[in-house]
mmCIF file of all heavy atoms, coordinates in Angstrom:
data_MODEL
# 
_entry.id   MODEL 
# 
loop_
_atom_site.group_PDB 
_atom_site.id 
_atom_site.type_symbol 
_atom_site.label_atom_id 
_atom_site.label_alt_id 
_atom_site.label_comp_id 
_atom_site.label_asym_id 
_atom_site.label_entity_id 
_atom_site.label_seq_id 
_atom_site.pdbx_PDB_ins_code 
_atom_site.Cartn_x 
_atom_site.Cartn_y 
_atom_site.Cartn_z 
_atom_site.occupancy 
_atom_site.B_iso_or_equiv 
_atom_site.pdbx_formal_charge 
_atom_site.auth_seq_id 
_atom_site.auth_comp_id 
_atom_site.auth_asym_id 
_atom_site.auth_atom_id 
_atom_site.pdbx_PDB_model_num 
ATOM 1   N N   . GLY A 1 1  ? -7.313  -6.948  -3.962  1.00 0.00 ? 1  GLY A N   1 
ATOM 2   C CA  . GLY A 1 1  ? -7.503  -7.812  -5.117  1.00 0.00 ? 1  GLY A CA  1 
ATOM 3   C C   . GLY A 1 1  ? -8.569  -7.351  -6.077  1.00 0.00 ? 1  GLY A C   1 
ATOM 4   O O   . GLY A 1 1  ? -8.671  -7.873  -7.194  1.00 0.00 ? 1  GLY A O   1 
ATOM 5   N N   . ALA A 1 2  ? -9.386  -6.367  -5.682  1.00 0.00 ? 2  ALA A N   1 
ATOM 6   C CA  . ALA A 1 2  ? -10.415 -5.866  -6.580  1.00 0.00 ? 2  ALA A CA  1 
ATOM 7   C C   . ALA A 1 2  ? -9.777  -5.282  -7.836  1.00 0.00 ? 2  ALA A C   1 
ATOM 8   O O   . ALA A 1 2  ? -8.741  -4.626  -7.778  1.00 0.00 ? 2  ALA A O   1 
ATOM 9   C CB  . ALA A 1 2  ? -11.254 -4.807  -5.868  1.00 0.00 ? 2  ALA A CB  1 
ATOM 10  N N   . GLN A 1 3  ? -10.385 -5.517  -8.993  1.00 0.00 ? 3  GLN A N   1 
ATOM 11  C CA  . GLN A 1 3  ? -9.805  -5.082  -10.252 1.00 0.00 ? 3  GLN A CA  1 
ATOM 12  C C   . GLN A 1 3  ? -9.902  -3.567  -10.430 1.00 0.00 ? 3  GLN A C   1 
ATOM 13  O O   . GLN A 1 3  ? -10.899 -2.937  -10.101 1.00 0.00 ? 3  GLN A O   1 
ATOM 14  C CB  . GLN A 1 3  ? -10.509 -5.773  -11.429 1.00 0.00 ? 3  GLN A CB  1 
ATOM 15  C CG  . GLN A 1 3  ? -10.195 -7.262  -11.542 1.00 0.00 ? 3  GLN A CG  1 
ATOM 16  C CD  . GLN A 1 3  ? -8.716  -7.504  -11.825 1.00 0.00 ? 3  GLN A CD  1 
ATOM 17  O OE1 . GLN A 1 3  ? -8.201  -7.056  -12.844 1.00 0.00 ? 3  GLN A OE1 1 
ATOM 18  N NE2 . GLN A 1 3  ? -8.045  -8.213  -10.931 1.00 0.00 ? 3  GLN A NE2 1 
ATOM 19  N N   . ILE A 1 4  ? -8.827  -2.984  -10.944 1.00 0.00 ? 4  ILE A N   1 
ATOM 20  C CA  . ILE A 1 4  ? -8.731  -1.554  -11.213 1.00 0.00 ? 4  ILE A CA  1 
ATOM 21  C C   . ILE A 1 4  ? -8.302  -1.402  -12.669 1.00 0.00 ? 4  ILE A C   1 
ATOM 22  O O   . ILE A 1 4  ? -7.549  -2.219  -13.204 1.00 0.00 ? 4  ILE A O   1 
ATOM 23  C CB  . ILE A 1 4  ? -7.691  -0.899  -10.271 1.00 0.00 ? 4  ILE A CB  1 
ATOM 24  C CG1 . ILE A 1 4  ? -8.170  -0.986  -8.821  1.00 0.00 ? 4  ILE A CG1 1 
ATOM 25  C CG2 . ILE A 1 4  ? -7.435  0.540   -10.650 1.00 0.00 ? 4  ILE A CG2 1 
ATOM 26  C CD1 . ILE A 1 4  ? -9.356  -0.123  -8.494  1.00 0.00 ? 4  ILE A CD1 1 
ATOM 27  N N   . ASP A 1 5  ? -8.783  -0.359  -13.325 1.00 0.00 ? 5  ASP A N   1 
ATOM 28  C CA  . ASP A 1 5  ? -8.520  -0.206  -14.758 1.00 0.00 ? 5  ASP A CA  1 
ATOM 29  C C   . ASP A 1 5  ? -7.076  0.157   -15.069 1.00 0.00 ? 5  ASP A C   1 
ATOM 30  O O   . ASP A 1 5  ? -6.537  -0.255  -16.096 1.00 0.00 ? 5  ASP A O   1 
ATOM 31  C CB  . ASP A 1 5  ? -9.442  0.873   -15.342 1.00 0.00 ? 5  ASP A CB  1 
ATOM 32  C CG  . ASP A 1 5  ? -10.898 0.423   -15.370 1.00 0.00 ? 5  ASP A CG  1 
ATOM 33  O OD1 . ASP A 1 5  ? -11.129 -0.802  -15.428 1.00 0.00 ? 5  ASP A OD1 1 
ATOM 34  O OD2 . ASP A 1 5  ? -11.785 1.288   -15.329 1.00 0.00 ? 5  ASP A OD2 1 
ATOM 35  N N   . THR A 1 6  ? -6.427  0.940   -14.208 1.00 0.00 ? 6  THR A N   1 
ATOM 36  C CA  . THR A 1 6  ? -5.080  1.406   -14.516 1.00 0.00 ? 6  THR A CA  1 
ATOM 37  C C   . THR A 1 6  ? -4.165  1.232   -13.314 1.00 0.00 ? 6  THR A C   1 
ATOM 38  O O   . THR A 1 6  ? -4.619  1.166   -12.171 1.00 0.00 ? 6  THR A O   1 
ATOM 39  C CB  . THR A 1 6  ? -5.076  2.895   -14.916 1.00 0.00 ? 6  THR A CB  1 
ATOM 40  O OG1 . THR A 1 6  ? -5.400  3.688   -13.767 1.00 0.00 ? 6  THR A OG1 1 
ATOM 41  C CG2 . THR A 1 6  ? -6.079  3.170   -16.031 1.00 0.00 ? 6  THR A CG2 1 
ATOM 42  N N   . ILE A 1 7  ? -2.871  1.202   -13.593 1.00 0.00 ? 7  ILE A N   1 
ATOM 43  C CA  . ILE A 1 7  ? -1.881  1.086   -12.535 1.00 0.00 ? 7  ILE A CA  1 
ATOM 44  C C   . ILE A 1 7  ? -1.938  2.302   -11.621 1.00 0.00 ? 7  ILE A C   1 
ATOM 45  O O   . ILE A 1 7  ? -1.785  2.193   -10.400 1.00 0.00 ? 7  ILE A O   1 
ATOM 46  C CB  . ILE A 1 7  ? -0.461  0.903   -13.136 1.00 0.00 ? 7  ILE A CB  1 
ATOM 47  C CG1 . ILE A 1 7  ? 0.603   0.773   -12.043 1.00 0.00 ? 7  ILE A CG1 1 
ATOM 48  C CG2 . ILE A 1 7  ? -0.097  2.052   -14.047 1.00 0.00 ? 7  ILE A CG2 1 
ATOM 49  C CD1 . ILE A 1 7  ? 0.513   -0.483  -11.243 1.00 0.00 ? 7  ILE A CD1 1 
ATOM 50  N N   . THR A 1 8  ? -2.205  3.479   -12.186 1.00 0.00 ? 8  THR A N   1 
ATOM 51  C CA  . THR A 1 8  ? -2.289  4.690   -11.367 1.00 0.00 ? 8  THR A CA  1 
ATOM 52  C C   . THR A 1 8  ? -3.427  4.589   -10.368 1.00 0.00 ? 8  THR A C   1 
ATOM 53  O O   . THR A 1 8  ? -3.280  4.928   -9.186  1.00 0.00 ? 8  THR A O   1 
ATOM 54  C CB  . THR A 1 8  ? -2.482  5.927   -12.267 1.00 0.00 ? 8  THR A CB  1 
ATOM 55  O OG1 . THR A 1 8  ? -1.356  6.053   -13.132 1.00 0.00 ? 8  THR A OG1 1 
ATOM 56  C CG2 . THR A 1 8  ? -2.607  7.193   -11.424 1.00 0.00 ? 8  THR A CG2 1 
ATOM 57  N N   . GLU A 1 9  ? -4.589  4.099   -10.809 1.00 0.00 ? 9  GLU A N   1 
ATOM 58  C CA  . GLU A 1 9  ? -5.724  3.941   -9.904  1.00 0.00 ? 9  GLU A CA  1 
ATOM 59  C C   . GLU A 1 9  ? -5.413  2.939   -8.804  1.00 0.00 ? 9  GLU A C   1 
ATOM 60  O O   . GLU A 1 9  ? -5.797  3.126   -7.640  1.00 0.00 ? 9  GLU A O   1 
ATOM 61  C CB  . GLU A 1 9  ? -6.964  3.494   -10.685 1.00 0.00 ? 9  GLU A CB  1 
ATOM 62  C CG  . GLU A 1 9  ? -7.540  4.562   -11.596 1.00 0.00 ? 9  GLU A CG  1 
ATOM 63  C CD  . GLU A 1 9  ? -8.739  4.051   -12.363 1.00 0.00 ? 9  GLU A CD  1 
ATOM 64  O OE1 . GLU A 1 9  ? -9.272  2.988   -11.988 1.00 0.00 ? 9  GLU A OE1 1 
ATOM 65  O OE2 . GLU A 1 9  ? -9.141  4.699   -13.335 1.00 0.00 ? 9  GLU A OE2 1 
ATOM 66  N N   . ALA A 1 10 ? -4.718  1.865   -9.145  1.00 0.00 ? 10 ALA A N   1 
ATOM 67  C CA  . ALA A 1 10 ? -4.377  0.859   -8.144  1.00 0.00 ? 10 ALA A CA  1 
ATOM 68  C C   . ALA A 1 10 ? -3.428  1.431   -7.095  1.00 0.00 ? 10 ALA A C   1 
ATOM 69  O O   . ALA A 1 10 ? -3.562  1.164   -5.902  1.00 0.00 ? 10 ALA A O   1 
ATOM 70  C CB  . ALA A 1 10 ? -3.758  -0.366  -8.812  1.00 0.00 ? 10 ALA A CB  1 
ATOM 71  N N   . ILE A 1 11 ? -2.465  2.233   -7.536  1.00 0.00 ? 11 ILE A N   1 
ATOM 72  C CA  . ILE A 1 11 ? -1.527  2.847   -6.596  1.00 0.00 ? 11 ILE A CA  1 
ATOM 73  C C   . ILE A 1 11 ? -2.267  3.787   -5.660  1.00 0.00 ? 11 ILE A C   1 
ATOM 74  O O   . ILE A 1 11 ? -2.075  3.756   -4.439  1.00 0.00 ? 11 ILE A O   1 
ATOM 75  C CB  . ILE A 1 11 ? -0.414  3.591   -7.358  1.00 0.00 ? 11 ILE A CB  1 
ATOM 76  C CG1 . ILE A 1 11 ? 0.519   2.587   -8.061  1.00 0.00 ? 11 ILE A CG1 1 
ATOM 77  C CG2 . ILE A 1 11 ? 0.391   4.473   -6.417  1.00 0.00 ? 11 ILE A CG2 1 
ATOM 78  C CD1 . ILE A 1 11 ? 1.543   3.224   -8.968  1.00 0.00 ? 11 ILE A CD1 1 
ATOM 79  N N   . LEU A 1 12 ? -3.123  4.628   -6.220  1.00 0.00 ? 12 LEU A N   1 
ATOM 80  C CA  . LEU A 1 12 ? -3.850  5.592   -5.398  1.00 0.00 ? 12 LEU A CA  1 
ATOM 81  C C   . LEU A 1 12 ? -4.827  4.903   -4.454  1.00 0.00 ? 12 LEU A C   1 
ATOM 82  O O   . LEU A 1 12 ? -4.990  5.307   -3.297  1.00 0.00 ? 12 LEU A O   1 
ATOM 83  C CB  . LEU A 1 12 ? -4.590  6.581   -6.295  1.00 0.00 ? 12 LEU A CB  1 
ATOM 84  C CG  . LEU A 1 12 ? -3.700  7.517   -7.134  1.00 0.00 ? 12 LEU A CG  1 
ATOM 85  C CD1 . LEU A 1 12 ? -4.547  8.373   -8.054  1.00 0.00 ? 12 LEU A CD1 1 
ATOM 86  C CD2 . LEU A 1 12 ? -2.837  8.385   -6.239  1.00 0.00 ? 12 LEU A CD2 1 
ATOM 87  N N   . ALA A 1 13 ? -5.490  3.834   -4.932  1.00 0.00 ? 13 ALA A N   1 
ATOM 88  C CA  . ALA A 1 13 ? -6.483  3.146   -4.107  1.00 0.00 ? 13 ALA A CA  1 
ATOM 89  C C   . ALA A 1 13 ? -5.860  2.435   -2.924  1.00 0.00 ? 13 ALA A C   1 
ATOM 90  O O   . ALA A 1 13 ? -6.512  2.202   -1.902  1.00 0.00 ? 13 ALA A O   1 
ATOM 91  C CB  . ALA A 1 13 ? -7.254  2.140   -4.962  1.00 0.00 ? 13 ALA A CB  1 
ATOM 92  N N   . SER A 1 14 ? -4.574  2.091   -3.052  1.00 0.00 ? 14 SER A N   1 
ATOM 93  C CA  . SER A 1 14 ? -3.925  1.326   -1.987  1.00 0.00 ? 14 SER A CA  1 
ATOM 94  C C   . SER A 1 14 ? -2.996  2.168   -1.138  1.00 0.00 ? 14 SER A C   1 
ATOM 95  O O   . SER A 1 14 ? -2.277  1.632   -0.290  1.00 0.00 ? 14 SER A O   1 
ATOM 96  C CB  . SER A 1 14 ? -3.118  0.175   -2.598  1.00 0.00 ? 14 SER A CB  1 
ATOM 97  O OG  . SER A 1 14 ? -2.066  0.674   -3.409  1.00 0.00 ? 14 SER A OG  1 
ATOM 98  N N   . GLU A 1 15 ? -2.994  3.481   -1.336  1.00 0.00 ? 15 GLU A N   1 
ATOM 99  C CA  . GLU A 1 15 ? -2.062  4.347   -0.612  1.00 0.00 ? 15 GLU A CA  1 
ATOM 100 C C   . GLU A 1 15 ? -2.233  4.175   0.889   1.00 0.00 ? 15 GLU A C   1 
ATOM 101 O O   . GLU A 1 15 ? -3.315  4.379   1.439   1.00 0.00 ? 15 GLU A O   1 
ATOM 102 C CB  . GLU A 1 15 ? -2.328  5.810   -0.980  1.00 0.00 ? 15 GLU A CB  1 
ATOM 103 C CG  . GLU A 1 15 ? -1.249  6.762   -0.500  1.00 0.00 ? 15 GLU A CG  1 
ATOM 104 C CD  . GLU A 1 15 ? 0.017   6.666   -1.337  1.00 0.00 ? 15 GLU A CD  1 
ATOM 105 O OE1 . GLU A 1 15 ? -0.088  6.457   -2.554  1.00 0.00 ? 15 GLU A OE1 1 
ATOM 106 O OE2 . GLU A 1 15 ? 1.107   6.795   -0.752  1.00 0.00 ? 15 GLU A OE2 1 
ATOM 107 N N   . PRO A 1 16 ? -1.165  3.772   1.618   1.00 0.00 ? 16 PRO A N   1 
ATOM 108 C CA  . PRO A 1 16 ? -1.285  3.595   3.062   1.00 0.00 ? 16 PRO A CA  1 
ATOM 109 C C   . PRO A 1 16 ? -1.430  4.923   3.773   1.00 0.00 ? 16 PRO A C   1 
ATOM 110 O O   . PRO A 1 16 ? -0.949  5.951   3.297   1.00 0.00 ? 16 PRO A O   1 
ATOM 111 C CB  . PRO A 1 16 ? 0.017   2.880   3.447   1.00 0.00 ? 16 PRO A CB  1 
ATOM 112 C CG  . PRO A 1 16 ? 0.990   3.272   2.383   1.00 0.00 ? 16 PRO A CG  1 
ATOM 113 C CD  . PRO A 1 16 ? 0.189   3.443   1.123   1.00 0.00 ? 16 PRO A CD  1 
ATOM 114 N N   . GLN A 1 17 ? -2.091  4.894   4.924   1.00 0.00 ? 17 GLN A N   1 
ATOM 115 C CA  . GLN A 1 17 ? -2.320  6.104   5.694   1.00 0.00 ? 17 GLN A CA  1 
ATOM 116 C C   . GLN A 1 17 ? -1.288  6.213   6.824   1.00 0.00 ? 17 GLN A C   1 
ATOM 117 O O   . GLN A 1 17 ? -0.845  5.206   7.365   1.00 0.00 ? 17 GLN A O   1 
ATOM 118 C CB  . GLN A 1 17 ? -3.734  6.088   6.288   1.00 0.00 ? 17 GLN A CB  1 
ATOM 119 C CG  . GLN A 1 17 ? -4.835  5.964   5.240   1.00 0.00 ? 17 GLN A CG  1 
ATOM 120 C CD  . GLN A 1 17 ? -4.822  7.100   4.242   1.00 0.00 ? 17 GLN A CD  1 
ATOM 121 O OE1 . GLN A 1 17 ? -4.784  8.257   4.636   1.00 0.00 ? 17 GLN A OE1 1 
ATOM 122 N NE2 . GLN A 1 17 ? -4.844  6.772   2.959   1.00 0.00 ? 17 GLN A NE2 1 
ATOM 123 N N   . GLY A 1 18 ? -0.944  7.437   7.191   1.00 0.00 ? 18 GLY A N   1 
ATOM 124 C CA  . GLY A 1 18 ? -0.026  7.641   8.302   1.00 0.00 ? 18 GLY A CA  1 
ATOM 125 C C   . GLY A 1 18 ? 1.422   7.483   7.891   1.00 0.00 ? 18 GLY A C   1 
ATOM 126 O O   . GLY A 1 18 ? 1.747   7.198   6.745   1.00 0.00 ? 18 GLY A O   1 
ATOM 127 N N   . ASN A 1 19 ? 2.302   7.660   8.851   1.00 0.00 ? 19 ASN A N   1 
ATOM 128 C CA  . ASN A 1 19 ? 3.731   7.573   8.600   1.00 0.00 ? 19 ASN A CA  1 
ATOM 129 C C   . ASN A 1 19 ? 4.220   6.136   8.722   1.00 0.00 ? 19 ASN A C   1 
ATOM 130 O O   . ASN A 1 19 ? 3.742   5.369   9.558   1.00 0.00 ? 19 ASN A O   1 
ATOM 131 C CB  . ASN A 1 19 ? 4.505   8.454   9.582   1.00 0.00 ? 19 ASN A CB  1 
ATOM 132 C CG  . ASN A 1 19 ? 4.193   9.931   9.390   1.00 0.00 ? 19 ASN A CG  1 
ATOM 133 O OD1 . ASN A 1 19 ? 4.028   10.394  8.257   1.00 0.00 ? 19 ASN A OD1 1 
ATOM 134 N ND2 . ASN A 1 19 ? 4.090   10.659  10.496  1.00 0.00 ? 19 ASN A ND2 1 
ATOM 135 N N   . ALA A 1 20 ? 5.213   5.785   7.884   1.00 0.00 ? 20 ALA A N   1 
ATOM 136 C CA  . ALA A 1 20 ? 5.790   4.448   7.958   1.00 0.00 ? 20 ALA A CA  1 
ATOM 137 C C   . ALA A 1 20 ? 6.511   4.272   9.290   1.00 0.00 ? 20 ALA A C   1 
ATOM 138 O O   . ALA A 1 20 ? 7.136   5.197   9.801   1.00 0.00 ? 20 ALA A O   1 
ATOM 139 C CB  . ALA A 1 20 ? 6.762   4.225   6.802   1.00 0.00 ? 20 ALA A CB  1 
ATOM 140 N N   . GLU A 1 21 ? 6.422   3.063   9.855   1.00 0.00 ? 21 GLU A N   1 
ATOM 141 C CA  . GLU A 1 21 ? 7.094   2.799   11.115  1.00 0.00 ? 21 GLU A CA  1 
ATOM 142 C C   . GLU A 1 21 ? 8.110   1.686   10.938  1.00 0.00 ? 21 GLU A C   1 
ATOM 143 O O   . GLU A 1 21 ? 8.076   0.939   9.957   1.00 0.00 ? 21 GLU A O   1 
ATOM 144 C CB  . GLU A 1 21 ? 6.079   2.384   12.193  1.00 0.00 ? 21 GLU A CB  1 
ATOM 145 C CG  . GLU A 1 21 ? 5.392   1.060   11.910  1.00 0.00 ? 21 GLU A CG  1 
ATOM 146 C CD  . GLU A 1 21 ? 4.432   0.660   13.024  1.00 0.00 ? 21 GLU A CD  1 
ATOM 147 O OE1 . GLU A 1 21 ? 3.989   1.544   13.767  1.00 0.00 ? 21 GLU A OE1 1 
ATOM 148 O OE2 . GLU A 1 21 ? 4.139   -0.539  13.127  1.00 0.00 ? 21 GLU A OE2 1 
ATOM 149 N N   . ARG A 1 22 ? 9.029   1.584   11.866  1.00 0.00 ? 22 ARG A N   1 
ATOM 150 C CA  . ARG A 1 22 ? 10.055  0.550   11.803  1.00 0.00 ? 22 ARG A CA  1 
ATOM 151 C C   . ARG A 1 22 ? 9.421   -0.816  12.041  1.00 0.00 ? 22 ARG A C   1 
ATOM 152 O O   . ARG A 1 22 ? 8.723   -1.029  13.028  1.00 0.00 ? 22 ARG A O   1 
ATOM 153 C CB  . ARG A 1 22 ? 11.133  0.819   12.856  1.00 0.00 ? 22 ARG A CB  1 
ATOM 154 C CG  . ARG A 1 22 ? 12.248  -0.214  12.883  1.00 0.00 ? 22 ARG A CG  1 
ATOM 155 C CD  . ARG A 1 22 ? 13.349  0.251   13.832  1.00 0.00 ? 22 ARG A CD  1 
ATOM 156 N NE  . ARG A 1 22 ? 14.431  -0.699  13.881  1.00 0.00 ? 22 ARG A NE  1 
ATOM 157 C CZ  . ARG A 1 22 ? 14.547  -1.635  14.823  1.00 0.00 ? 22 ARG A CZ  1 
ATOM 158 N NH1 . ARG A 1 22 ? 13.638  -1.717  15.776  1.00 0.00 ? 22 ARG A NH1 1 
ATOM 159 N NH2 . ARG A 1 22 ? 15.567  -2.461  14.825  1.00 0.00 ? 22 ARG A NH2 1 
ATOM 160 N N   . LEU A 1 23 ? 9.658   -1.754  11.128  1.00 0.00 ? 23 LEU A N   1 
ATOM 161 C CA  . LEU A 1 23 ? 9.157   -3.110  11.281  1.00 0.00 ? 23 LEU A CA  1 
ATOM 162 C C   . LEU A 1 23 ? 10.266  -3.976  11.851  1.00 0.00 ? 23 LEU A C   1 
ATOM 163 O O   . LEU A 1 23 ? 11.373  -4.023  11.323  1.00 0.00 ? 23 LEU A O   1 
ATOM 164 C CB  . LEU A 1 23 ? 8.703   -3.679  9.930   1.00 0.00 ? 23 LEU A CB  1 
ATOM 165 C CG  . LEU A 1 23 ? 7.562   -2.934  9.238   1.00 0.00 ? 23 LEU A CG  1 
ATOM 166 C CD1 . LEU A 1 23 ? 7.204   -3.634  7.941   1.00 0.00 ? 23 LEU A CD1 1 
ATOM 167 C CD2 . LEU A 1 23 ? 6.351   -2.855  10.136  1.00 0.00 ? 23 LEU A CD2 1 
ATOM 168 N N   . LEU A 1 24 ? 9.980   -4.674  12.928  1.00 0.00 ? 24 LEU A N   1 
ATOM 169 C CA  . LEU A 1 24 ? 10.990  -5.512  13.570  1.00 0.00 ? 24 LEU A CA  1 
ATOM 170 C C   . LEU A 1 24 ? 11.155  -6.826  12.834  1.00 0.00 ? 24 LEU A C   1 
ATOM 171 O O   . LEU A 1 24 ? 10.186  -7.433  12.381  1.00 0.00 ? 24 LEU A O   1 
ATOM 172 C CB  . LEU A 1 24 ? 10.582  -5.794  15.019  1.00 0.00 ? 24 LEU A CB  1 
ATOM 173 C CG  . LEU A 1 24 ? 10.461  -4.574  15.936  1.00 0.00 ? 24 LEU A CG  1 
ATOM 174 C CD1 . LEU A 1 24 ? 9.993   -5.013  17.311  1.00 0.00 ? 24 LEU A CD1 1 
ATOM 175 C CD2 . LEU A 1 24 ? 11.779  -3.834  16.035  1.00 0.00 ? 24 LEU A CD2 1 
ATOM 176 N N   . ASP A 1 25 ? 12.408  -7.269  12.696  1.00 0.00 ? 25 ASP A N   1 
ATOM 177 C CA  . ASP A 1 25 ? 12.657  -8.615  12.196  1.00 0.00 ? 25 ASP A CA  1 
ATOM 178 C C   . ASP A 1 25 ? 12.238  -9.628  13.263  1.00 0.00 ? 25 ASP A C   1 
ATOM 179 O O   . ASP A 1 25 ? 12.156  -9.329  14.450  1.00 0.00 ? 25 ASP A O   1 
ATOM 180 C CB  . ASP A 1 25 ? 14.139  -8.813  11.885  1.00 0.00 ? 25 ASP A CB  1 
ATOM 181 C CG  . ASP A 1 25 ? 14.539  -8.107  10.599  1.00 0.00 ? 25 ASP A CG  1 
ATOM 182 O OD1 . ASP A 1 25 ? 13.625  -7.713  9.844   1.00 0.00 ? 25 ASP A OD1 1 
ATOM 183 O OD2 . ASP A 1 25 ? 15.743  -7.947  10.364  1.00 0.00 ? 25 ASP A OD2 1 
ATOM 184 N N   . GLU A 1 26 ? 12.042  -10.898 12.810  1.00 0.00 ? 26 GLU A N   1 
ATOM 185 C CA  . GLU A 1 26 ? 11.566  -11.923 13.744  1.00 0.00 ? 26 GLU A CA  1 
ATOM 186 C C   . GLU A 1 26 ? 12.508  -12.123 14.918  1.00 0.00 ? 26 GLU A C   1 
ATOM 187 O O   . GLU A 1 26 ? 12.081  -12.318 16.051  1.00 0.00 ? 26 GLU A O   1 
ATOM 188 C CB  . GLU A 1 26 ? 11.365  -13.241 12.989  1.00 0.00 ? 26 GLU A CB  1 
ATOM 189 C CG  . GLU A 1 26 ? 10.092  -13.299 12.168  1.00 0.00 ? 26 GLU A CG  1 
ATOM 190 C CD  . GLU A 1 26 ? 10.174  -12.509 10.877  1.00 0.00 ? 26 GLU A CD  1 
ATOM 191 O OE1 . GLU A 1 26 ? 11.256  -11.997 10.566  1.00 0.00 ? 26 GLU A OE1 1 
ATOM 192 O OE2 . GLU A 1 26 ? 9.157   -12.408 10.181  1.00 0.00 ? 26 GLU A OE2 1 
ATOM 193 N N   . ASP A 1 27 ? 13.818  -12.036 14.658  1.00 0.00 ? 27 ASP A N   1 
ATOM 194 C CA  . ASP A 1 27 ? 14.762  -12.266 15.763  1.00 0.00 ? 27 ASP A CA  1 
ATOM 195 C C   . ASP A 1 27 ? 14.755  -11.124 16.754  1.00 0.00 ? 27 ASP A C   1 
ATOM 196 O O   . ASP A 1 27 ? 15.269  -11.254 17.865  1.00 0.00 ? 27 ASP A O   1 
ATOM 197 C CB  . ASP A 1 27 ? 16.176  -12.474 15.212  1.00 0.00 ? 27 ASP A CB  1 
ATOM 198 C CG  . ASP A 1 27 ? 16.754  -11.214 14.597  1.00 0.00 ? 27 ASP A CG  1 
ATOM 199 O OD1 . ASP A 1 27 ? 16.024  -10.543 13.840  1.00 0.00 ? 27 ASP A OD1 1 
ATOM 200 O OD2 . ASP A 1 27 ? 17.923  -10.900 14.863  1.00 0.00 ? 27 ASP A OD2 1 
# 
C-alpha cells in the first residue's frame, strides 16, 4: 500500500520471489 510514483516502480517493488506454485482450490 505504500505510495509509488510510477506503475513501473510499483510492479518492480512487488515482484514475487521464487517460482510460482500450484494453488489449491478450497474443495
